[in-house]
């Protein structure tokens, strides 16, 4: 894996991990916590299964994620929202869900008045 791709991968891992510790994040994807640190510090290279799990956390297929890492595409707005949701704390997620519920109520009122 080329250095630029490893840097991009490390950034993705940091973003997905968010405020979670190495151990908690490592458990999510079934690896050891030192591996997460190695990835973030450009000292480790993920295997295909780990890439697949990271891609899944991003809401992508392995092929889409590899294309992203290679600079061949950029995540669209929906993918960015999904990425943010996946790393939110429970409290942050509750706030977002309340906002979505409020928006759905507004849409329902509008459509009922048509």
C-alpha atoms as a PDB file:
ATOM      1  CA  UNK A   1       0.000   0.000   0.000  1.00  0.00           C
ATOM      2  CA  UNK A   2       1.513   3.331  -1.083  1.00  0.00           C
ATOM      3  CA  UNK A   3       2.232   5.999   1.512  1.00  0.00           C
ATOM      4  CA  UNK A   4      -0.458   8.393   0.242  1.00  0.00           C
ATOM      5  CA  UNK A   5      -3.060   5.630   0.359  1.00  0.00           C
ATOM      6  CA  UNK A   6      -1.926   4.667   3.876  1.00  0.00           C
ATOM      7  CA  UNK A   7      -2.261   8.312   4.965  1.00  0.00           C
ATOM      8  CA  UNK A   8      -5.786   8.459   3.573  1.00  0.00           C
ATOM      9  CA  UNK A   9      -6.650   5.151   5.252  1.00  0.00           C
ATOM     10  CA  UNK A  10      -5.238   6.415   8.580  1.00  0.00           C
ATOM     11  CA  UNK A  11      -7.423   9.522   8.317  1.00  0.00           C
ATOM     12  CA  UNK A  12     -10.498   7.385   7.646  1.00  0.00           C
ATOM     13  CA  UNK A  13      -9.722   5.218  10.682  1.00  0.00           C
ATOM     14  CA  UNK A  14      -9.283   8.308  12.895  1.00  0.00           C
ATOM     15  CA  UNK A  15     -12.586   9.730  11.666  1.00  0.00           C
ATOM     16  CA  UNK A  16     -14.464   6.470  12.147  1.00  0.00           C
ATOM     17  CA  UNK A  17     -12.942   5.899  15.576  1.00  0.00           C
ATOM     18  CA  UNK A  18     -13.898   9.412  16.664  1.00  0.00           C
ATOM     19  CA  UNK A  19     -13.868   9.634  20.454  1.00  0.00           C
ATOM     20  CA  UNK A  20     -13.746   5.867  20.904  1.00  0.00           C
ATOM     21  CA  UNK A  21     -10.613   4.352  22.360  1.00  0.00           C
ATOM     22  CA  UNK A  22      -8.457   1.972  20.349  1.00  0.00           C
ATOM     23  CA  UNK A  23      -9.849  -1.051  22.221  1.00  0.00           C
ATOM     24  CA  UNK A  24     -13.495  -0.182  21.640  1.00  0.00           C
ATOM     25  CA  UNK A  25     -12.965   0.525  17.959  1.00  0.00           C
ATOM     26  CA  UNK A  26     -10.804  -2.582  17.522  1.00  0.00           C
ATOM     27  CA  UNK A  27     -13.572  -4.743  19.002  1.00  0.00           C
ATOM     28  CA  UNK A  28     -16.001  -3.363  16.422  1.00  0.00           C
ATOM     29  CA  UNK A  29     -13.921  -4.673  13.571  1.00  0.00           C
ATOM     30  CA  UNK A  30     -12.427  -7.730  15.224  1.00  0.00           C
ATOM     31  CA  UNK A  31      -8.779  -6.751  15.430  1.00  0.00           C
ATOM     32  CA  UNK A  32      -6.315  -6.010  18.227  1.00  0.00           C
ATOM     33  CA  UNK A  33      -6.124  -2.482  19.615  1.00  0.00           C
ATOM     34  CA  UNK A  34      -2.395  -2.091  18.771  1.00  0.00           C
ATOM     35  CA  UNK A  35      -3.355  -2.642  15.140  1.00  0.00           C
ATOM     36  CA  UNK A  36      -5.577   0.452  15.191  1.00  0.00           C
ATOM     37  CA  UNK A  37      -2.676   2.512  16.526  1.00  0.00           C
ATOM     38  CA  UNK A  38      -0.347   1.076  13.899  1.00  0.00           C
ATOM     39  CA  UNK A  39      -2.782   2.028  11.130  1.00  0.00           C
ATOM     40  CA  UNK A  40      -3.188   5.563  12.430  1.00  0.00           C
ATOM     41  CA  UNK A  41       0.591   5.967  12.755  1.00  0.00           C
ATOM     42  CA  UNK A  42       1.257   4.566   9.256  1.00  0.00           C
ATOM     43  CA  UNK A  43       3.081   1.549  10.678  1.00  0.00           C
ATOM     44  CA  UNK A  44       0.610  -1.146   9.701  1.00  0.00           C
ATOM     45  CA  UNK A  45      -1.180  -2.240   6.568  1.00  0.00           C
ATOM     46  CA  UNK A  46      -4.725  -3.651   6.801  1.00  0.00           C
ATOM     47  CA  UNK A  47      -5.636  -7.018   5.377  1.00  0.00           C
ATOM     48  CA  UNK A  48      -8.535  -7.407   2.962  1.00  0.00           C
ATOM     49  CA  UNK A  49     -11.018  -8.437   5.650  1.00  0.00           C
ATOM     50  CA  UNK A  50     -10.181  -5.372   7.754  1.00  0.00           C
ATOM     51  CA  UNK A  51     -10.562  -3.152   4.687  1.00  0.00           C
ATOM     52  CA  UNK A  52     -13.936  -4.767   4.046  1.00  0.00           C
ATOM     53  CA  UNK A  53     -15.070  -4.060   7.635  1.00  0.00           C
ATOM     54  CA  UNK A  54     -13.891  -0.444   7.493  1.00  0.00           C
ATOM     55  CA  UNK A  55     -15.684  -0.039   4.155  1.00  0.00           C
ATOM     56  CA  UNK A  56     -18.845  -1.435   5.731  1.00  0.00           C
ATOM     57  CA  UNK A  57     -18.622   1.071   8.592  1.00  0.00           C
ATOM     58  CA  UNK A  58     -18.474   3.781   5.937  1.00  0.00           C
ATOM     59  CA  UNK A  59     -21.517   2.349   4.170  1.00  0.00           C
ATOM     60  CA  UNK A  60     -19.448   1.279   1.167  1.00  0.00           C
ATOM     61  CA  UNK A  61     -18.422  -1.910  -0.568  1.00  0.00           C
ATOM     62  CA  UNK A  62     -14.783  -2.948  -0.512  1.00  0.00           C
ATOM     63  CA  UNK A  63     -14.460  -1.903  -4.142  1.00  0.00           C
ATOM     64  CA  UNK A  64     -15.932   1.550  -3.486  1.00  0.00           C
ATOM     65  CA  UNK A  65     -13.657   2.044  -0.499  1.00  0.00           C
ATOM     66  CA  UNK A  66     -10.575   0.969  -2.428  1.00  0.00           C
ATOM     67  CA  UNK A  67     -11.540   3.380  -5.214  1.00  0.00           C
ATOM     68  CA  UNK A  68     -11.893   6.158  -2.633  1.00  0.00           C
ATOM     69  CA  UNK A  69      -8.495   5.356  -1.128  1.00  0.00           C
ATOM     70  CA  UNK A  70      -6.973   5.376  -4.595  1.00  0.00           C
ATOM     71  CA  UNK A  71      -8.403   8.833  -5.264  1.00  0.00           C
ATOM     72  CA  UNK A  72     -10.833   7.625  -7.900  1.00  0.00           C
ATOM     73  CA  UNK A  73     -13.968   8.885  -6.172  1.00  0.00           C
ATOM     74  CA  UNK A  74     -15.153  10.990  -3.282  1.00  0.00           C
ATOM     75  CA  UNK A  75     -17.874  10.098  -0.801  1.00  0.00           C
ATOM     76  CA  UNK A  76     -21.150  11.759  -1.646  1.00  0.00           C
ATOM     77  CA  UNK A  77     -23.202  13.701   0.865  1.00  0.00           C
ATOM     78  CA  UNK A  78     -25.227  10.680   2.023  1.00  0.00           C
ATOM     79  CA  UNK A  79     -22.063   8.665   2.655  1.00  0.00           C
ATOM     80  CA  UNK A  80     -20.616  11.524   4.713  1.00  0.00           C
ATOM     81  CA  UNK A  81     -23.790  11.664   6.809  1.00  0.00           C
ATOM     82  CA  UNK A  82     -23.660   7.909   7.356  1.00  0.00           C
ATOM     83  CA  UNK A  83     -20.016   8.165   8.374  1.00  0.00           C
ATOM     84  CA  UNK A  84     -20.825  10.840  10.919  1.00  0.00           C
ATOM     85  CA  UNK A  85     -23.760   8.865  12.330  1.00  0.00           C
ATOM     86  CA  UNK A  86     -21.569   5.812  12.809  1.00  0.00           C
ATOM     87  CA  UNK A  87     -19.137   7.656  15.057  1.00  0.00           C
ATOM     88  CA  UNK A  88     -21.661   9.655  17.087  1.00  0.00           C
ATOM     89  CA  UNK A  89     -22.111   9.140  20.779  1.00  0.00           C
ATOM     90  CA  UNK A  90     -25.499   7.916  21.977  1.00  0.00           C
ATOM     91  CA  UNK A  91     -26.447  11.426  23.086  1.00  0.00           C
ATOM     92  CA  UNK A  92     -25.463  12.956  19.736  1.00  0.00           C
ATOM     93  CA  UNK A  93     -27.411  10.268  17.907  1.00  0.00           C
ATOM     94  CA  UNK A  94     -30.491  10.923  20.074  1.00  0.00           C
ATOM     95  CA  UNK A  95     -30.325  14.629  19.166  1.00  0.00           C
ATOM     96  CA  UNK A  96     -30.075  13.814  15.456  1.00  0.00           C
ATOM     97  CA  UNK A  97     -32.973  11.353  15.668  1.00  0.00           C
ATOM     98  CA  UNK A  98     -35.142  13.976  17.384  1.00  0.00           C
ATOM     99  CA  UNK A  99     -34.336  16.434  14.595  1.00  0.00           C
ATOM    100  CA  UNK A 100     -35.261  13.816  11.987  1.00  0.00           C
ATOM    101  CA  UNK A 101     -38.520  13.034  13.800  1.00  0.00           C
ATOM    102  CA  UNK A 102     -39.379  16.745  13.895  1.00  0.00           C
ATOM    103  CA  UNK A 103     -38.658  17.076  10.181  1.00  0.00           C
ATOM    104  CA  UNK A 104     -40.829  14.061   9.398  1.00  0.00           C
ATOM    105  CA  UNK A 105     -43.682  15.562  11.420  1.00  0.00           C
ATOM    106  CA  UNK A 106     -43.365  18.800   9.424  1.00  0.00           C
ATOM    107  CA  UNK A 107     -43.419  16.900   6.141  1.00  0.00           C
ATOM    108  CA  UNK A 108     -46.432  14.894   7.322  1.00  0.00           C
ATOM    109  CA  UNK A 109     -48.312  18.112   8.208  1.00  0.00           C
ATOM    110  CA  UNK A 110     -47.532  19.634   4.830  1.00  0.00           C
ATOM    111  CA  UNK A 111     -48.647  16.559   2.905  1.00  0.00           C
ATOM    112  CA  UNK A 112     -51.844  16.258   4.972  1.00  0.00           C
ATOM    113  CA  UNK A 113     -52.739  19.850   4.093  1.00  0.00           C
ATOM    114  CA  UNK A 114     -52.391  19.311   0.343  1.00  0.00           C
END
